[in-house]
Amino acid sequence: MDYTWRVSSPLGGITLASNGEALTGLWFDGQKYFGSTLSAAHETRPLPIFEETERWLGIYFSGQAPDFTPKLHLSATPFRLAVWNCLLAIPYGETVTYGELARKTGWYGKLWHGSARAVGGAVGRNPISLIVPCHRVIGTDGSLTGYAGGVERKQLLLQMEKTHMPLPCDFGKTAVQ
C-alpha cells in the first residue's frame, strides 16, 4: 500500500509518498512526472517518515543544509539508480553538469554517444525532488536547463542554497586587462 501526505512550502504545495517505511516520492504541485511512483490505490495518512521529511524540508527551506536524510526507497533500472545515487552525492550549494554526472555514474560512453542526454532523462524522472537534488545539475554552459519542477523553481532553489552559478566564460581568468 502506498501512502501520501501534503505539505506547504515557500515554492508551492508538495506531495510526499511512502511505502509505509521510507519515502518513495516528493513532488511539487504540477511537476512533470507527478506521482510517477504511486500505485493507483493509495491512502492519505500521517506517518513518521512524513514527519521526518517535513522536518528536513523545514531545515532546507530555512536556508540551511539538513544534517540527515530521511529513509529513501528508490526503485528503477540500474542506470537510473546509479544516476540518482550520484545526485545524492552533490553537496548542498554546489552544482555539476550533465556531462560530469554522466562520467561520475560510470556509464559514460557505455550506452551511446549521448550519455549526458541519457543522464538528463534519468535526472528528470527522479521521483524524490529536493532530497535527491536533481536541481543541482546544470548545462555545460551554466544554463539552468531542464527541471521537472520548473526552471523558475530550480533558479530559486539554487539561489536559496547560495550556489555559485558560473557564467559561460567564468574560467577564472580575465581576457581583458
Protein backbone atom coordinates (compact mmCIF):
# COMPACT_ATOMS: atom_id res chain seq x y z
CA MET A 1 0.00 0.00 0.00
CA ASP A 2 1.21 3.50 -0.83
CA TYR A 3 0.57 6.49 1.41
CA THR A 4 0.61 10.20 0.64
CA TRP A 5 0.76 13.41 2.61
CA ARG A 6 0.54 17.05 1.53
CA VAL A 7 2.75 19.85 2.84
CA SER A 8 3.19 23.51 2.01
CA SER A 9 6.47 25.12 1.05
CA PRO A 10 7.66 28.58 0.02
CA LEU A 11 7.67 27.25 -3.56
CA GLY A 12 4.20 25.73 -3.55
CA GLY A 13 2.42 22.59 -2.43
CA ILE A 14 4.34 19.34 -2.14
CA THR A 15 3.03 15.79 -2.16
CA LEU A 16 5.01 13.17 -0.27
CA ALA A 17 4.66 9.43 -0.92
CA SER A 18 5.76 6.42 1.12
CA ASN A 19 5.51 2.66 1.18
CA GLY A 20 4.90 2.95 4.94
CA GLU A 21 8.58 2.73 5.87
CA ALA A 22 10.55 5.00 3.54
CA LEU A 23 9.96 8.00 1.31
CA THR A 24 9.19 6.96 -2.28
CA GLY A 25 8.15 10.30 -3.75
CA LEU A 26 8.33 14.06 -3.29
CA TRP A 27 6.76 16.24 -5.98
CA PHE A 28 5.86 19.89 -6.31
CA ASP A 29 2.31 20.56 -7.47
CA GLY A 30 2.25 20.49 -11.26
CA GLN A 31 5.66 18.85 -11.55
CA LYS A 32 6.37 16.76 -14.62
CA TYR A 33 6.06 13.03 -13.83
CA PHE A 34 3.99 13.92 -10.73
CA GLY A 35 3.09 10.76 -8.82
CA SER A 36 5.16 8.52 -11.08
CA THR A 37 5.89 6.01 -8.31
CA LEU A 38 2.39 5.95 -6.82
CA SER A 39 0.09 2.98 -7.26
CA ALA A 40 -3.50 3.73 -8.25
CA ALA A 41 -4.66 2.76 -4.77
CA HIS A 42 -3.07 4.98 -2.14
CA GLU A 43 -4.21 6.42 1.14
CA THR A 44 -3.59 9.79 2.76
CA ARG A 45 -2.24 9.19 6.25
CA PRO A 46 0.30 10.82 8.58
CA LEU A 47 3.36 8.64 9.04
CA PRO A 48 6.64 9.04 10.96
CA ILE A 49 8.55 9.19 7.63
CA PHE A 50 6.38 12.15 6.61
CA GLU A 51 7.11 13.92 9.91
CA GLU A 52 10.83 13.33 9.39
CA THR A 53 10.60 14.61 5.80
CA GLU A 54 8.70 17.71 6.95
CA ARG A 55 11.48 18.37 9.47
CA TRP A 56 14.06 18.00 6.64
CA LEU A 57 12.05 20.42 4.46
CA GLY A 58 11.79 22.92 7.33
CA ILE A 59 15.56 23.00 7.74
CA TYR A 60 16.12 23.13 3.98
CA PHE A 61 13.67 25.99 3.38
CA SER A 62 15.21 27.94 6.28
CA GLY A 63 18.31 28.19 4.05
CA GLN A 64 20.42 25.56 5.78
CA ALA A 65 21.75 22.17 4.74
CA PRO A 66 19.93 19.41 6.65
CA ASP A 67 22.34 17.13 8.53
CA PHE A 68 20.28 13.98 7.90
CA THR A 69 18.43 12.30 5.07
CA PRO A 70 15.05 10.65 5.59
CA LYS A 71 14.97 6.95 4.74
CA LEU A 72 14.52 6.67 0.96
CA HIS A 73 13.31 3.85 -1.24
CA LEU A 74 14.11 4.30 -4.92
CA SER A 75 13.05 1.66 -7.40
CA ALA A 76 14.21 1.83 -11.02
CA THR A 77 16.63 0.45 -13.58
CA PRO A 78 20.28 0.06 -12.56
CA PHE A 79 21.15 3.05 -14.76
CA ARG A 80 18.61 5.38 -13.12
CA LEU A 81 19.62 4.19 -9.65
CA ALA A 82 23.27 4.95 -10.49
CA VAL A 83 22.31 8.47 -11.60
CA TRP A 84 20.13 9.10 -8.54
CA ASN A 85 22.88 7.86 -6.20
CA CYS A 86 25.28 10.31 -7.84
CA LEU A 87 22.72 13.08 -7.33
CA LEU A 88 22.70 12.29 -3.61
CA ALA A 89 26.46 12.92 -3.54
CA ILE A 90 26.21 16.51 -4.86
CA PRO A 91 26.86 18.75 -1.85
CA TYR A 92 24.44 21.48 -0.79
CA GLY A 93 25.26 24.72 -2.60
CA GLU A 94 27.21 23.06 -5.43
CA THR A 95 26.34 22.10 -8.97
CA VAL A 96 27.53 19.61 -11.59
CA THR A 97 26.89 19.48 -15.31
CA TYR A 98 25.02 16.69 -17.05
CA GLY A 99 28.30 15.61 -18.67
CA GLU A 100 30.13 15.50 -15.32
CA LEU A 101 27.27 13.49 -13.86
CA ALA A 102 27.41 11.06 -16.81
CA ARG A 103 31.11 10.48 -16.13
CA LYS A 104 30.54 10.05 -12.37
CA THR A 105 27.88 7.37 -12.89
CA GLY A 106 30.40 5.06 -14.54
CA TRP A 107 28.07 4.67 -17.53
CA TYR A 108 29.75 7.33 -19.67
CA GLY A 109 30.15 6.00 -23.20
CA LYS A 110 28.69 2.60 -22.31
CA LEU A 111 25.20 3.45 -23.53
CA TRP A 112 25.82 5.51 -26.63
CA HIS A 113 27.43 8.77 -27.56
CA GLY A 114 24.58 10.69 -25.88
CA SER A 115 25.35 9.62 -22.30
CA ALA A 116 24.74 13.13 -20.96
CA ARG A 117 21.31 13.08 -22.61
CA ALA A 118 20.50 9.70 -21.09
CA VAL A 119 21.57 11.06 -17.70
CA GLY A 120 19.31 14.07 -18.30
CA GLY A 121 16.37 11.73 -18.83
CA ALA A 122 17.13 9.89 -15.59
CA VAL A 123 17.60 13.17 -13.68
CA GLY A 124 14.23 14.42 -14.94
CA ARG A 125 12.46 11.28 -13.72
CA ASN A 126 13.86 11.49 -10.20
CA PRO A 127 10.80 10.80 -8.01
CA ILE A 128 12.19 12.43 -4.83
CA SER A 129 12.84 16.08 -5.69
CA LEU A 130 14.94 18.26 -3.38
CA ILE A 131 16.21 15.42 -1.18
CA VAL A 132 17.66 13.71 -4.25
CA PRO A 133 18.93 17.07 -5.54
CA CYS A 134 18.30 16.99 -9.28
CA HIS A 135 18.05 20.81 -9.22
CA ARG A 136 21.85 20.94 -8.76
CA VAL A 137 22.51 19.66 -12.29
CA ILE A 138 23.11 22.36 -14.89
CA GLY A 139 24.06 22.66 -18.54
CA THR A 140 27.71 22.68 -19.61
CA ASP A 141 27.46 26.42 -20.26
CA GLY A 142 25.98 27.08 -16.81
CA SER A 143 22.41 27.26 -18.09
CA LEU A 144 19.53 26.11 -15.94
CA THR A 145 18.20 23.56 -18.38
CA GLY A 146 15.56 21.02 -17.54
CA TYR A 147 13.95 20.65 -14.15
CA ALA A 148 10.73 18.68 -13.77
CA GLY A 149 9.58 21.18 -11.12
CA GLY A 150 10.12 24.11 -13.49
CA VAL A 151 13.20 26.17 -14.31
CA GLU A 152 11.91 29.05 -12.16
CA ARG A 153 11.86 26.79 -9.10
CA LYS A 154 15.31 25.46 -9.98
CA GLN A 155 16.68 29.00 -10.07
CA LEU A 156 15.06 29.84 -6.71
CA LEU A 157 16.39 26.66 -5.10
CA LEU A 158 19.93 27.35 -6.29
CA GLN A 159 19.69 30.97 -5.11
CA MET A 160 18.42 29.80 -1.74
CA GLU A 161 21.42 27.47 -1.46
CA LYS A 162 23.63 30.43 -2.42
CA THR A 163 25.06 28.33 -5.22
CA HIS A 164 27.78 29.92 -7.31
CA MET A 165 26.39 29.88 -10.82
CA PRO A 166 29.24 30.00 -13.33
CA LEU A 167 28.82 32.22 -16.32
CA PRO A 168 29.61 30.63 -19.69
CA CYS A 169 33.00 32.41 -19.69
CA ASP A 170 33.75 32.03 -15.96
CA PHE A 171 37.05 30.13 -16.19
CA GLY A 172 38.92 32.04 -13.50
CA LYS A 173 40.88 34.20 -15.95
CA THR A 174 40.23 37.63 -17.32
CA ALA A 175 40.97 38.04 -21.01
CA VAL A 176 40.71 41.82 -20.99
CA GLN A 177 43.11 43.72 -18.73
